[in-house]
Amino acid sequence: MNTLLDLYWTFAKIGCVTFGGGYAMLPILERELVDKRHWTTMDDLRDYFSIGQCTPGIIALNVSTFIGEKRDGAKGALAATVGFLSGPIVIILIIAAFLTNFAQLEVIQHAFAGIRVCVCVLIVQAVLRLWKKSVVDAFTLALYLIIFVLNAFSGVLPVKIPAAVLVILAGAAGIIASMMKNRKAGKKAGEAP
């Protein structure tokens, strides 16, 4: 029961500061789950983000579900998910109740402009962290460039390629590259005297 409460409370705190979506949350999740609690590794967290991007729903919520499941099975997944959702639901209800009355005020509009800038910075920071750990050799750089071009220019291509298809193709390319690398290593081991 202690594990479930710990999962609930940890993700409730994280959910209360979920500004800017999943990628903006990466530094907070890394600090809380990797550095402080040691519930996962940075490599696993990146993998959860990748899978969370491909599955329906909010990335950070999906990550909380994956980590909760890893810690305590289905009960842990439920505790982490409910915890993550608790804070934002209360905050959104409070904001919704008051926003319509104050949204037109200039000070509120300036506050939102400031929040948007902060969210952009958090997202750039997350992208840079992911870049450092993900683009590690010529193959991953080439794969990055191909996926970037396909995504960035999908509006002018004859067929728009959905992000999920790009993720699947990138995963397949990674598997093929790994198989080729292992085959090459096997041949070298067989040639050794």
C-alpha atoms as a PDB file:
ATOM      1  CA  MET A   1       0.000   0.000   0.000  1.00  0.00           C
ATOM      2  CA  ASN A   2       2.915   2.304   0.746  1.00  0.00           C
ATOM      3  CA  THR A   3       4.198   1.930  -2.826  1.00  0.00           C
ATOM      4  CA  LEU A   4       0.800   2.868  -4.245  1.00  0.00           C
ATOM      5  CA  LEU A   5       0.553   5.968  -2.047  1.00  0.00           C
ATOM      6  CA  ASP A   6       4.106   6.930  -2.969  1.00  0.00           C
ATOM      7  CA  LEU A   7       3.287   6.545  -6.677  1.00  0.00           C
ATOM      8  CA  TYR A   8       0.063   8.511  -6.302  1.00  0.00           C
ATOM      9  CA  TRP A   9       1.634  11.359  -4.333  1.00  0.00           C
ATOM     10  CA  THR A  10       4.754  11.624  -6.518  1.00  0.00           C
ATOM     11  CA  PHE A  11       2.761  11.821  -9.738  1.00  0.00           C
ATOM     12  CA  ALA A  12       0.168  14.138  -8.168  1.00  0.00           C
ATOM     13  CA  LYS A  13       2.979  16.609  -7.444  1.00  0.00           C
ATOM     14  CA  ILE A  14       4.384  16.195 -10.956  1.00  0.00           C
ATOM     15  CA  GLY A  15       0.933  16.585 -12.512  1.00  0.00           C
ATOM     16  CA  CYS A  16       0.420  19.902 -10.720  1.00  0.00           C
ATOM     17  CA  VAL A  17       3.365  21.406 -12.583  1.00  0.00           C
ATOM     18  CA  THR A  18       2.640  19.925 -16.008  1.00  0.00           C
ATOM     19  CA  PHE A  19       3.028  23.071 -18.046  1.00  0.00           C
ATOM     20  CA  GLY A  20       3.806  22.793 -21.728  1.00  0.00           C
ATOM     21  CA  GLY A  21       3.143  19.127 -22.287  1.00  0.00           C
ATOM     22  CA  GLY A  22       5.309  16.050 -22.161  1.00  0.00           C
ATOM     23  CA  TYR A  23       8.575  17.327 -23.560  1.00  0.00           C
ATOM     24  CA  ALA A  24       8.568  20.335 -21.285  1.00  0.00           C
ATOM     25  CA  MET A  25       8.124  17.854 -18.424  1.00  0.00           C
ATOM     26  CA  LEU A  26      11.249  15.825 -19.259  1.00  0.00           C
ATOM     27  CA  PRO A  27      13.603  17.781 -16.941  1.00  0.00           C
ATOM     28  CA  ILE A  28      11.128  17.511 -14.043  1.00  0.00           C
ATOM     29  CA  LEU A  29      10.544  13.796 -14.620  1.00  0.00           C
ATOM     30  CA  GLU A  30      14.278  13.192 -14.923  1.00  0.00           C
ATOM     31  CA  ARG A  31      15.020  15.018 -11.673  1.00  0.00           C
ATOM     32  CA  GLU A  32      12.190  13.366  -9.725  1.00  0.00           C
ATOM     33  CA  LEU A  33      12.175   9.827 -11.150  1.00  0.00           C
ATOM     34  CA  VAL A  34      15.767   9.225 -12.257  1.00  0.00           C
ATOM     35  CA  ASP A  35      17.922  11.369  -9.965  1.00  0.00           C
ATOM     36  CA  LYS A  36      15.879  11.568  -6.755  1.00  0.00           C
ATOM     37  CA  ARG A  37      13.831   8.349  -6.553  1.00  0.00           C
ATOM     38  CA  HIS A  38      15.847   6.057  -8.868  1.00  0.00           C
ATOM     39  CA  TRP A  39      12.627   4.502 -10.162  1.00  0.00           C
ATOM     40  CA  THR A  40      13.944   4.412 -13.714  1.00  0.00           C
ATOM     41  CA  THR A  41      17.013   5.208 -15.781  1.00  0.00           C
ATOM     42  CA  MET A  42      17.369   8.052 -18.253  1.00  0.00           C
ATOM     43  CA  ASP A  43      17.532   5.510 -21.079  1.00  0.00           C
ATOM     44  CA  ASP A  44      14.256   3.939 -19.946  1.00  0.00           C
ATOM     45  CA  LEU A  45      12.678   7.375 -19.519  1.00  0.00           C
ATOM     46  CA  ARG A  46      13.606   8.251 -23.120  1.00  0.00           C
ATOM     47  CA  ASP A  47      12.105   4.950 -24.247  1.00  0.00           C
ATOM     48  CA  TYR A  48       8.901   5.695 -22.327  1.00  0.00           C
ATOM     49  CA  PHE A  49       8.757   9.112 -23.998  1.00  0.00           C
ATOM     50  CA  SER A  50       9.158   7.491 -27.405  1.00  0.00           C
ATOM     51  CA  ILE A  51       6.396   4.986 -26.746  1.00  0.00           C
ATOM     52  CA  GLY A  52       4.256   7.677 -25.070  1.00  0.00           C
ATOM     53  CA  GLN A  53       4.539   9.797 -28.213  1.00  0.00           C
ATOM     54  CA  CYS A  54       3.209   6.926 -30.325  1.00  0.00           C
ATOM     55  CA  THR A  55       0.293   6.013 -28.088  1.00  0.00           C
ATOM     56  CA  PRO A  56      -2.933   7.972 -27.602  1.00  0.00           C
ATOM     57  CA  GLY A  57      -2.984  10.501 -24.814  1.00  0.00           C
ATOM     58  CA  ILE A  58      -0.684  12.940 -23.096  1.00  0.00           C
ATOM     59  CA  ILE A  59       2.991  11.951 -23.214  1.00  0.00           C
ATOM     60  CA  ALA A  60       3.741  12.690 -19.547  1.00  0.00           C
ATOM     61  CA  LEU A  61       0.574  10.854 -18.477  1.00  0.00           C
ATOM     62  CA  ASN A  62       1.584   7.819 -20.535  1.00  0.00           C
ATOM     63  CA  VAL A  63       5.051   7.923 -18.969  1.00  0.00           C
ATOM     64  CA  SER A  64       3.517   7.991 -15.487  1.00  0.00           C
ATOM     65  CA  THR A  65       1.419   4.945 -16.377  1.00  0.00           C
ATOM     66  CA  PHE A  66       4.480   3.057 -17.684  1.00  0.00           C
ATOM     67  CA  ILE A  67       6.536   3.842 -14.586  1.00  0.00           C
ATOM     68  CA  GLY A  68       3.664   2.979 -12.245  1.00  0.00           C
ATOM     69  CA  GLU A  69       3.284  -0.375 -14.005  1.00  0.00           C
ATOM     70  CA  LYS A  70       7.018  -1.019 -13.735  1.00  0.00           C
ATOM     71  CA  ARG A  71       6.937  -0.276  -9.990  1.00  0.00           C
ATOM     72  CA  ASP A  72       3.796  -2.206  -8.983  1.00  0.00           C
ATOM     73  CA  GLY A  73       1.992  -3.736 -11.953  1.00  0.00           C
ATOM     74  CA  ALA A  74      -1.541  -2.712 -12.902  1.00  0.00           C
ATOM     75  CA  LYS A  75      -2.229  -1.254  -9.434  1.00  0.00           C
ATOM     76  CA  GLY A  76       0.861   0.904  -9.710  1.00  0.00           C
ATOM     77  CA  ALA A  77      -0.111   2.053 -13.196  1.00  0.00           C
ATOM     78  CA  LEU A  78      -3.544   3.056 -11.918  1.00  0.00           C
ATOM     79  CA  ALA A  79      -2.138   4.851  -8.842  1.00  0.00           C
ATOM     80  CA  ALA A  80       0.398   6.809 -10.924  1.00  0.00           C
ATOM     81  CA  THR A  81      -2.171   7.691 -13.590  1.00  0.00           C
ATOM     82  CA  VAL A  82      -4.829   8.851 -11.122  1.00  0.00           C
ATOM     83  CA  GLY A  83      -2.186  10.760  -9.188  1.00  0.00           C
ATOM     84  CA  PHE A  84      -0.960  12.502 -12.317  1.00  0.00           C
ATOM     85  CA  LEU A  85      -4.500  13.510 -13.297  1.00  0.00           C
ATOM     86  CA  SER A  86      -5.694  14.692  -9.866  1.00  0.00           C
ATOM     87  CA  GLY A  87      -3.869  18.013  -9.706  1.00  0.00           C
ATOM     88  CA  PRO A  88      -4.477  19.163 -13.277  1.00  0.00           C
ATOM     89  CA  ILE A  89      -8.199  18.383 -13.050  1.00  0.00           C
ATOM     90  CA  VAL A  90      -8.581  20.552  -9.939  1.00  0.00           C
ATOM     91  CA  ILE A  91      -6.424  23.339 -11.420  1.00  0.00           C
ATOM     92  CA  ILE A  92      -8.291  23.282 -14.750  1.00  0.00           C
ATOM     93  CA  LEU A  93     -11.663  23.431 -12.995  1.00  0.00           C
ATOM     94  CA  ILE A  94     -10.537  26.444 -10.951  1.00  0.00           C
ATOM     95  CA  ILE A  95      -9.082  28.205 -13.997  1.00  0.00           C
ATOM     96  CA  ALA A  96     -12.177  27.462 -16.090  1.00  0.00           C
ATOM     97  CA  ALA A  97     -14.412  28.907 -13.390  1.00  0.00           C
ATOM     98  CA  PHE A  98     -12.512  32.195 -13.303  1.00  0.00           C
ATOM     99  CA  LEU A  99     -10.932  32.497 -16.762  1.00  0.00           C
ATOM    100  CA  THR A 100     -14.053  33.613 -18.593  1.00  0.00           C
ATOM    101  CA  ASN A 101     -14.374  36.535 -16.177  1.00  0.00           C
ATOM    102  CA  PHE A 102     -10.746  37.644 -16.459  1.00  0.00           C
ATOM    103  CA  ALA A 103      -9.451  36.447 -19.869  1.00  0.00           C
ATOM    104  CA  GLN A 104      -9.927  39.861 -21.462  1.00  0.00           C
ATOM    105  CA  LEU A 105      -7.760  41.659 -18.886  1.00  0.00           C
ATOM    106  CA  GLU A 106      -4.475  42.856 -20.331  1.00  0.00           C
ATOM    107  CA  VAL A 107      -2.494  41.547 -17.345  1.00  0.00           C
ATOM    108  CA  ILE A 108      -3.880  38.015 -17.898  1.00  0.00           C
ATOM    109  CA  GLN A 109      -3.034  38.151 -21.600  1.00  0.00           C
ATOM    110  CA  HIS A 110       0.526  39.223 -20.740  1.00  0.00           C
ATOM    111  CA  ALA A 111       0.770  36.428 -18.178  1.00  0.00           C
ATOM    112  CA  PHE A 112      -0.195  33.880 -20.843  1.00  0.00           C
ATOM    113  CA  ALA A 113       2.376  35.377 -23.226  1.00  0.00           C
ATOM    114  CA  GLY A 114       5.043  34.910 -20.557  1.00  0.00           C
ATOM    115  CA  ILE A 115       3.930  31.356 -19.874  1.00  0.00           C
ATOM    116  CA  ARG A 116       4.150  30.530 -23.608  1.00  0.00           C
ATOM    117  CA  VAL A 117       7.758  31.766 -23.688  1.00  0.00           C
ATOM    118  CA  CYS A 118       8.651  29.690 -20.635  1.00  0.00           C
ATOM    119  CA  VAL A 119       7.069  26.593 -22.154  1.00  0.00           C
ATOM    120  CA  CYS A 120       9.104  27.099 -25.341  1.00  0.00           C
ATOM    121  CA  VAL A 121      12.305  27.238 -23.278  1.00  0.00           C
ATOM    122  CA  LEU A 122      11.356  24.050 -21.405  1.00  0.00           C
ATOM    123  CA  ILE A 123      10.648  22.247 -24.685  1.00  0.00           C
ATOM    124  CA  VAL A 124      13.952  23.376 -26.239  1.00  0.00           C
ATOM    125  CA  GLN A 125      15.780  22.196 -23.125  1.00  0.00           C
ATOM    126  CA  ALA A 126      14.095  18.790 -23.360  1.00  0.00           C
ATOM    127  CA  VAL A 127      14.910  18.494 -27.070  1.00  0.00           C
ATOM    128  CA  LEU A 128      18.573  19.282 -26.396  1.00  0.00           C
ATOM    129  CA  ARG A 129      18.731  16.648 -23.650  1.00  0.00           C
ATOM    130  CA  LEU A 130      17.106  14.071 -25.917  1.00  0.00           C
ATOM    131  CA  TRP A 131      19.432  15.055 -28.770  1.00  0.00           C
ATOM    132  CA  LYS A 132      22.592  14.533 -26.687  1.00  0.00           C
ATOM    133  CA  LYS A 133      21.551  11.040 -25.650  1.00  0.00           C
ATOM    134  CA  SER A 134      19.847   9.925 -28.874  1.00  0.00           C
ATOM    135  CA  VAL A 135      21.909  11.215 -31.802  1.00  0.00           C
ATOM    136  CA  VAL A 136      25.131   9.413 -30.951  1.00  0.00           C
ATOM    137  CA  ASP A 137      26.623   8.285 -34.263  1.00  0.00           C
ATOM    138  CA  ALA A 138      26.431   8.729 -38.045  1.00  0.00           C
ATOM    139  CA  PHE A 139      23.489   6.325 -38.376  1.00  0.00           C
ATOM    140  CA  THR A 140      21.326   8.099 -35.784  1.00  0.00           C
ATOM    141  CA  LEU A 141      22.247  11.495 -37.274  1.00  0.00           C
ATOM    142  CA  ALA A 142      21.254  10.300 -40.767  1.00  0.00           C
ATOM    143  CA  LEU A 143      18.035   8.811 -39.417  1.00  0.00           C
ATOM    144  CA  TYR A 144      17.293  12.063 -37.589  1.00  0.00           C
ATOM    145  CA  LEU A 145      17.822  14.125 -40.740  1.00  0.00           C
ATOM    146  CA  ILE A 146      15.637  11.836 -42.862  1.00  0.00           C
ATOM    147  CA  ILE A 147      12.785  11.826 -40.342  1.00  0.00           C
ATOM    148  CA  PHE A 148      13.114  15.582 -39.815  1.00  0.00           C
ATOM    149  CA  VAL A 149      12.900  16.303 -43.547  1.00  0.00           C
ATOM    150  CA  LEU A 150       9.967  13.918 -44.039  1.00  0.00           C
ATOM    151  CA  ASN A 151       8.101  15.500 -41.137  1.00  0.00           C
ATOM    152  CA  ALA A 152       9.024  19.119 -41.815  1.00  0.00           C
ATOM    153  CA  PHE A 153       8.119  18.968 -45.492  1.00  0.00           C
ATOM    154  CA  SER A 154       5.164  16.593 -45.294  1.00  0.00           C
ATOM    155  CA  GLY A 155       2.858  19.481 -46.195  1.00  0.00           C
ATOM    156  CA  VAL A 156       4.465  19.811 -49.634  1.00  0.00           C
ATOM    157  CA  LEU A 157       4.973  16.103 -50.274  1.00  0.00           C
ATOM    158  CA  PRO A 158       2.324  14.358 -52.387  1.00  0.00           C
ATOM    159  CA  VAL A 159       1.388  12.201 -49.389  1.00  0.00           C
ATOM    160  CA  LYS A 160       1.439  13.360 -45.773  1.00  0.00           C
ATOM    161  CA  ILE A 161       3.208  10.778 -43.619  1.00  0.00           C
ATOM    162  CA  PRO A 162       1.630  10.458 -40.151  1.00  0.00           C
ATOM    163  CA  ALA A 163       3.970  10.806 -37.174  1.00  0.00           C
ATOM    164  CA  ALA A 164       3.114   7.270 -36.010  1.00  0.00           C
ATOM    165  CA  VAL A 165       4.300   5.873 -39.358  1.00  0.00           C
ATOM    166  CA  LEU A 166       7.555   7.834 -39.059  1.00  0.00           C
ATOM    167  CA  VAL A 167       8.103   6.404 -35.588  1.00  0.00           C
ATOM    168  CA  ILE A 168       7.455   2.852 -36.813  1.00  0.00           C
ATOM    169  CA  LEU A 169       9.793   3.352 -39.789  1.00  0.00           C
ATOM    170  CA  ALA A 170      12.500   4.770 -37.497  1.00  0.00           C
ATOM    171  CA  GLY A 171      12.095   1.787 -35.152  1.00  0.00           C
ATOM    172  CA  ALA A 172      12.347  -0.625 -38.089  1.00  0.00           C
ATOM    173  CA  ALA A 173      15.465   1.174 -39.338  1.00  0.00           C
ATOM    174  CA  GLY A 174      16.993   0.837 -35.871  1.00  0.00           C
ATOM    175  CA  ILE A 175      16.242  -2.895 -35.792  1.00  0.00           C
ATOM    176  CA  ILE A 176      17.733  -3.410 -39.263  1.00  0.00           C
ATOM    177  CA  ALA A 177      20.847  -1.400 -38.345  1.00  0.00           C
ATOM    178  CA  SER A 178      21.263  -3.446 -35.164  1.00  0.00           C
ATOM    179  CA  MET A 179      20.919  -6.731 -37.084  1.00  0.00           C
ATOM    180  CA  MET A 180      23.485  -5.594 -39.654  1.00  0.00           C
ATOM    181  CA  LYS A 181      25.876  -4.508 -36.896  1.00  0.00           C
ATOM    182  CA  ASN A 182      25.496  -7.862 -35.109  1.00  0.00           C
ATOM    183  CA  ARG A 183      25.991  -9.780 -38.368  1.00  0.00           C
ATOM    184  CA  LYS A 184      29.144  -7.759 -39.107  1.00  0.00           C
ATOM    185  CA  ALA A 185      30.447  -8.384 -35.568  1.00  0.00           C
ATOM    186  CA  GLY A 186      29.722 -12.105 -36.007  1.00  0.00           C
ATOM    187  CA  LYS A 187      31.694 -12.248 -39.255  1.00  0.00           C
ATOM    188  CA  LYS A 188      34.661 -10.480 -37.635  1.00  0.00           C
ATOM    189  CA  ALA A 189      34.556 -12.908 -34.693  1.00  0.00           C
ATOM    190  CA  GLY A 190      34.563 -15.825 -37.157  1.00  0.00           C
ATOM    191  CA  GLU A 191      37.594 -14.420 -38.981  1.00  0.00           C
ATOM    192  CA  ALA A 192      39.656 -14.044 -35.821  1.00  0.00           C
ATOM    193  CA  PRO A 193      42.478 -16.661 -35.447  1.00  0.00           C
END
